Amino acid sequence: MYPFTLDRPATIADAAALSAAGATVLAGGQTLLASMKLRLSNPGHLADLAGIKELSGIKREGNAIVIGAMTRHRDVATSTDVQALIPALAELAAHIGDKQVRAMGTIGGSVANNDPAACYPSALLALGATVHTTQRTIAAADFFQGMFATALNAGELITAVAFPVPKRAAYMKFNQPASRFALVGVFVAQTGDGVRVAVTGAANGVFRHKGLEEALSKSFTAQSAAAVPIDATDLNHDIHASAAYRANLISVQTQRAVAKMLG
């Protein structure tokens, strides 16, 4: 690990000022600290957000669940509000990484990092979530912009994520055994705007599958999902799985999610 300076801002304004001045923001640190230990990252100056109380917590606002950026995965998983209103989101959080990762990792850190195999981005896209920042609000559809890329400006920090409560939803993940990231994860949600299907782990970034959405909007059955051809052309091919295997997993995990939603 290279030498670095650490600041612990007490307010969002202080954190934003440090970030604007060039400090790297430390949320949960589950990616950043590991890369620093391997000397793959040399931020020089860190701003730890853990002491900013207003960035943590879960509350209901109208027909939405609002989760503070520094809320830990474990707290999302065990929240009675999330379990009651969006149980698929609670279950997603309960199966991120291992106990240590869930105890330290944060939803804001995961969303801002936008790892192409992370779980939360699929929930944001499928549920039509809104990302709240120190400068504005950003629809999930506009937020994710490819591998590790987001719409965040320099110095702009996530403060919370608001999830509209769906009619019902389910998330099915096929783990990469070593990392426990999604080899393929599929989040299916029935919302007031129709059926949304978001896929993570299969490509260079999270994406919605229009073919599955159209089929399930017409007939919400596992058989309808099974009948949709999944194009493997732009899917990942690596040592863990071929593109064709990932395409099959998208279909299978979607079918399983639909079956789970139907009970």
Protein backbone atom coordinates (compact mmCIF):
# COMPACT_ATOMS: atom_id res chain seq x y z
CA MET A 1 0.00 0.00 0.00
CA TYR A 2 1.26 3.44 -0.90
CA PRO A 3 1.25 6.30 1.68
CA PHE A 4 -1.94 8.35 1.84
CA THR A 5 -3.63 11.10 3.81
CA LEU A 6 -6.95 10.31 5.52
CA ASP A 7 -9.67 12.84 6.34
CA ARG A 8 -12.89 12.06 8.19
CA PRO A 9 -15.43 14.77 7.26
CA ALA A 10 -18.35 15.22 9.64
CA THR A 11 -20.78 16.76 7.15
CA ILE A 12 -21.85 16.17 3.56
CA ALA A 13 -20.67 19.66 2.64
CA ASP A 14 -17.19 18.95 4.01
CA ALA A 15 -17.04 15.65 2.14
CA ALA A 16 -18.13 17.29 -1.11
CA ALA A 17 -15.47 19.98 -0.69
CA LEU A 18 -12.76 17.38 -0.11
CA SER A 19 -13.92 15.40 -3.13
CA ALA A 20 -13.96 18.52 -5.29
CA ALA A 21 -10.40 19.21 -4.15
CA GLY A 22 -9.28 15.81 -5.41
CA ALA A 23 -9.76 13.46 -2.47
CA THR A 24 -10.92 9.92 -3.25
CA VAL A 25 -14.11 9.11 -1.36
CA LEU A 26 -14.07 6.04 0.88
CA ALA A 27 -17.52 4.55 1.38
CA GLY A 28 -17.39 0.87 2.34
CA GLY A 29 -13.93 0.35 0.89
CA GLN A 30 -14.58 -3.22 -0.24
CA THR A 31 -13.07 -2.55 -3.68
CA LEU A 32 -10.86 0.46 -3.06
CA LEU A 33 -8.95 -0.84 -0.04
CA ALA A 34 -8.29 -4.18 -1.69
CA SER A 35 -6.84 -2.47 -4.76
CA MET A 36 -4.75 -0.19 -2.53
CA LYS A 37 -3.31 -3.17 -0.64
CA LEU A 38 -2.25 -4.68 -3.96
CA ARG A 39 -0.77 -1.34 -5.05
CA LEU A 40 -3.16 -1.21 -7.98
CA SER A 41 -4.54 2.09 -6.72
CA ASN A 42 -2.70 5.08 -5.28
CA PRO A 43 -5.28 7.70 -4.27
CA GLY A 44 -2.93 9.71 -2.06
CA HIS A 45 -5.82 11.39 -0.24
CA LEU A 46 -8.90 9.67 1.16
CA ALA A 47 -12.11 11.14 2.59
CA ASP A 48 -13.86 8.56 4.80
CA LEU A 49 -17.65 9.08 4.82
CA ALA A 50 -18.34 6.75 7.75
CA GLY A 51 -18.75 9.58 10.27
CA ILE A 52 -21.50 11.41 8.37
CA LYS A 53 -24.67 10.29 10.16
CA GLU A 54 -27.15 11.73 7.65
CA LEU A 55 -25.78 9.44 4.94
CA SER A 56 -26.99 6.32 6.77
CA GLY A 57 -30.47 5.00 7.38
CA ILE A 58 -33.59 3.67 5.70
CA LYS A 59 -36.96 5.37 5.58
CA ARG A 60 -40.23 5.25 3.69
CA GLU A 61 -41.24 8.32 1.72
CA GLY A 62 -44.63 7.95 0.05
CA ASN A 63 -44.48 4.88 -2.17
CA ALA A 64 -40.69 4.62 -2.05
CA ILE A 65 -37.97 3.26 0.21
CA VAL A 66 -35.09 5.73 0.55
CA ILE A 67 -31.75 4.25 1.57
CA GLY A 68 -28.85 6.46 2.64
CA ALA A 69 -25.63 6.05 0.68
CA MET A 70 -23.61 4.83 3.68
CA THR A 71 -26.15 2.22 4.72
CA ARG A 72 -24.42 -1.15 4.98
CA HIS A 73 -25.58 -4.18 2.98
CA ARG A 74 -26.35 -5.97 6.24
CA ASP A 75 -28.70 -3.19 7.31
CA VAL A 76 -30.56 -3.27 3.99
CA ALA A 77 -30.92 -7.03 4.34
CA THR A 78 -32.31 -6.86 7.89
CA SER A 79 -34.49 -3.74 7.53
CA THR A 80 -38.09 -4.53 8.42
CA ASP A 81 -39.30 -1.86 5.97
CA VAL A 82 -37.29 -3.30 3.08
CA GLN A 83 -38.29 -6.85 3.97
CA ALA A 84 -41.95 -5.87 4.05
CA LEU A 85 -42.11 -3.62 0.99
CA ILE A 86 -39.32 -4.82 -1.34
CA PRO A 87 -38.31 -8.27 -0.05
CA ALA A 88 -36.36 -8.95 -3.25
CA LEU A 89 -34.05 -6.04 -2.41
CA ALA A 90 -33.52 -7.34 1.13
CA GLU A 91 -32.70 -10.79 -0.23
CA LEU A 92 -30.30 -9.31 -2.79
CA ALA A 93 -28.42 -7.47 -0.04
CA ALA A 94 -28.35 -10.59 2.15
CA HIS A 95 -26.35 -12.49 -0.48
CA ILE A 96 -23.73 -9.91 -1.42
CA GLY A 97 -20.24 -11.25 -0.76
CA ASP A 98 -19.72 -12.71 2.71
CA LYS A 99 -20.51 -11.54 6.25
CA GLN A 100 -17.50 -9.25 6.39
CA VAL A 101 -18.37 -7.59 3.09
CA ARG A 102 -22.00 -7.14 4.12
CA ALA A 103 -20.90 -5.62 7.44
CA MET A 104 -18.71 -2.97 5.77
CA GLY A 105 -19.91 -2.53 2.18
CA THR A 106 -22.40 0.26 1.43
CA ILE A 107 -25.08 0.72 -1.17
CA GLY A 108 -23.67 4.10 -2.23
CA GLY A 109 -20.19 2.68 -2.66
CA SER A 110 -21.47 -0.21 -4.75
CA VAL A 111 -23.62 1.98 -6.97
CA ALA A 112 -20.88 4.58 -7.48
CA ASN A 113 -18.30 1.89 -8.30
CA ASN A 114 -20.67 0.25 -10.83
CA ASP A 115 -18.84 -3.05 -11.08
CA PRO A 116 -20.38 -4.88 -14.06
CA ALA A 117 -21.03 -7.92 -11.86
CA ALA A 118 -22.44 -6.06 -8.83
CA CYS A 119 -25.96 -6.85 -7.66
CA TYR A 120 -27.42 -3.45 -6.70
CA PRO A 121 -27.34 -1.91 -10.21
CA SER A 122 -29.82 -4.53 -11.43
CA ALA A 123 -32.21 -3.60 -8.62
CA LEU A 124 -31.93 0.10 -9.46
CA LEU A 125 -32.67 -0.48 -13.14
CA ALA A 126 -35.49 -2.98 -12.62
CA LEU A 127 -37.23 -0.92 -9.94
CA GLY A 128 -36.77 2.43 -11.68
CA ALA A 129 -34.80 3.86 -8.76
CA THR A 130 -33.52 7.41 -8.45
CA VAL A 131 -30.01 8.28 -7.30
CA HIS A 132 -29.84 11.37 -5.07
CA THR A 133 -26.56 13.27 -5.06
CA THR A 134 -25.09 16.44 -3.62
CA GLN A 135 -25.99 18.18 -6.90
CA ARG A 136 -29.16 16.60 -8.33
CA THR A 137 -31.27 13.48 -8.76
CA ILE A 138 -30.46 10.98 -11.51
CA ALA A 139 -32.74 8.27 -12.88
CA ALA A 140 -31.15 4.83 -12.79
CA ALA A 141 -31.61 4.57 -16.56
CA ASP A 142 -29.28 7.56 -16.97
CA PHE A 143 -26.88 6.76 -14.16
CA PHE A 144 -25.08 3.61 -15.32
CA GLN A 145 -22.87 4.28 -18.34
CA GLY A 146 -20.77 1.16 -18.85
CA MET A 147 -18.02 -0.68 -17.00
CA PHE A 148 -17.16 1.23 -13.81
CA ALA A 149 -18.62 4.39 -15.41
CA THR A 150 -21.50 6.49 -14.09
CA ALA A 151 -23.09 9.88 -14.64
CA LEU A 152 -21.46 11.31 -11.50
CA ASN A 153 -19.47 14.49 -12.02
CA ALA A 154 -16.15 15.19 -10.33
CA GLY A 155 -16.85 16.06 -6.71
CA GLU A 156 -20.45 14.82 -6.88
CA LEU A 157 -21.41 12.38 -4.12
CA ILE A 158 -24.31 9.98 -3.79
CA THR A 159 -26.41 10.79 -0.73
CA ALA A 160 -29.25 8.26 -1.09
CA VAL A 161 -31.07 5.91 -3.44
CA ALA A 162 -34.88 5.94 -3.67
CA PHE A 163 -36.60 2.70 -4.72
CA PRO A 164 -40.27 2.82 -5.77
CA VAL A 165 -42.20 -0.05 -4.20
CA PRO A 166 -43.12 -2.56 -6.95
CA LYS A 167 -46.16 -4.78 -7.15
CA ARG A 168 -43.78 -7.70 -6.75
CA ALA A 169 -40.19 -8.52 -7.61
CA ALA A 170 -37.53 -11.21 -7.40
CA TYR A 171 -33.76 -11.42 -7.83
CA MET A 172 -31.98 -14.59 -8.87
CA LYS A 173 -28.19 -14.76 -8.87
CA PHE A 174 -25.81 -17.42 -10.13
CA ASN A 175 -22.63 -16.81 -8.12
CA GLN A 176 -19.08 -16.82 -9.32
CA PRO A 177 -17.95 -19.13 -6.50
CA ALA A 178 -14.68 -17.42 -5.54
CA SER A 179 -15.78 -13.78 -5.54
CA ARG A 180 -19.52 -14.27 -4.95
CA PHE A 181 -20.16 -11.60 -7.54
CA ALA A 182 -22.88 -12.40 -10.06
CA LEU A 183 -21.79 -14.60 -12.93
CA VAL A 184 -25.31 -13.69 -14.02
CA GLY A 185 -27.94 -11.99 -11.89
CA VAL A 186 -31.47 -11.18 -13.05
CA PHE A 187 -33.84 -8.81 -11.26
CA VAL A 188 -37.46 -9.00 -12.41
CA ALA A 189 -40.01 -6.43 -11.22
CA GLN A 190 -43.68 -5.84 -11.93
CA THR A 191 -44.24 -2.10 -11.62
CA GLY A 192 -46.94 0.38 -12.51
CA ASP A 193 -45.12 0.89 -15.81
CA GLY A 194 -45.02 -2.81 -16.69
CA VAL A 195 -42.46 -5.58 -16.33
CA ARG A 196 -38.77 -4.72 -16.06
CA VAL A 197 -35.93 -7.22 -16.38
CA ALA A 198 -32.42 -6.08 -15.49
CA VAL A 199 -29.33 -8.25 -15.96
CA THR A 200 -25.96 -7.96 -14.23
CA GLY A 201 -22.75 -9.95 -14.58
CA ALA A 202 -23.39 -11.01 -18.16
CA ALA A 203 -21.92 -8.04 -20.06
CA ASN A 204 -19.73 -4.97 -19.61
CA GLY A 205 -22.45 -3.31 -17.57
CA VAL A 206 -25.94 -3.77 -16.22
CA PHE A 207 -28.70 -3.70 -18.83
CA ARG A 208 -32.42 -4.22 -19.33
CA HIS A 209 -33.57 -7.03 -21.62
CA LYS A 210 -36.33 -5.68 -23.85
CA GLY A 211 -37.27 -9.06 -25.33
CA LEU A 212 -37.93 -10.60 -21.93
CA GLU A 213 -39.80 -7.50 -20.79
CA GLU A 214 -42.10 -7.55 -23.81
CA ALA A 215 -42.83 -11.28 -23.49
CA LEU A 216 -43.52 -11.10 -19.76
CA SER A 217 -45.71 -8.01 -20.16
CA LYS A 218 -47.95 -10.06 -22.48
CA SER A 219 -47.91 -13.24 -20.41
CA PHE A 220 -46.22 -13.33 -17.03
CA THR A 221 -45.18 -16.96 -16.96
CA ALA A 222 -41.92 -18.87 -16.86
CA GLN A 223 -42.88 -20.42 -20.19
CA SER A 224 -43.05 -16.98 -21.82
CA ALA A 225 -39.55 -16.19 -20.56
CA ALA A 226 -38.26 -19.54 -21.78
CA ALA A 227 -39.52 -18.82 -25.30
CA VAL A 228 -37.44 -15.63 -25.64
CA PRO A 229 -34.15 -16.13 -27.53
CA ILE A 230 -31.15 -14.61 -25.72
CA ASP A 231 -28.51 -13.19 -28.05
CA ALA A 232 -25.00 -14.01 -26.79
CA THR A 233 -23.19 -11.71 -29.22
CA ASP A 234 -22.33 -8.93 -26.77
CA LEU A 235 -22.10 -11.05 -23.62
CA ASN A 236 -18.91 -11.71 -21.67
CA HIS A 237 -16.72 -14.70 -22.48
CA ASP A 238 -14.00 -15.50 -19.94
CA ILE A 239 -12.44 -18.26 -17.87
CA HIS A 240 -15.59 -18.53 -15.75
CA ALA A 241 -18.20 -18.95 -18.48
CA SER A 242 -18.72 -18.65 -22.21
CA ALA A 243 -21.07 -16.09 -23.71
CA ALA A 244 -23.46 -18.89 -24.67
CA TYR A 245 -23.50 -20.18 -21.10
CA ARG A 246 -24.27 -16.71 -19.80
CA ALA A 247 -27.07 -16.35 -22.34
CA ASN A 248 -28.59 -19.58 -21.07
CA LEU A 249 -28.24 -18.37 -17.48
CA ILE A 250 -30.14 -15.17 -18.30
CA SER A 251 -33.04 -17.26 -19.53
CA VAL A 252 -32.93 -19.74 -16.65
CA GLN A 253 -32.59 -17.12 -13.93
CA THR A 254 -35.44 -15.09 -15.41
CA GLN A 255 -37.66 -18.17 -15.44
CA ARG A 256 -36.76 -18.87 -11.83
CA ALA A 257 -37.47 -15.30 -10.80
CA VAL A 258 -40.90 -15.38 -12.47
CA ALA A 259 -41.72 -18.72 -10.89
CA LYS A 260 -40.74 -17.36 -7.49
CA MET A 261 -42.92 -14.28 -7.96
CA LEU A 262 -45.87 -16.46 -8.91
CA GLY A 263 -45.35 -18.56 -5.80
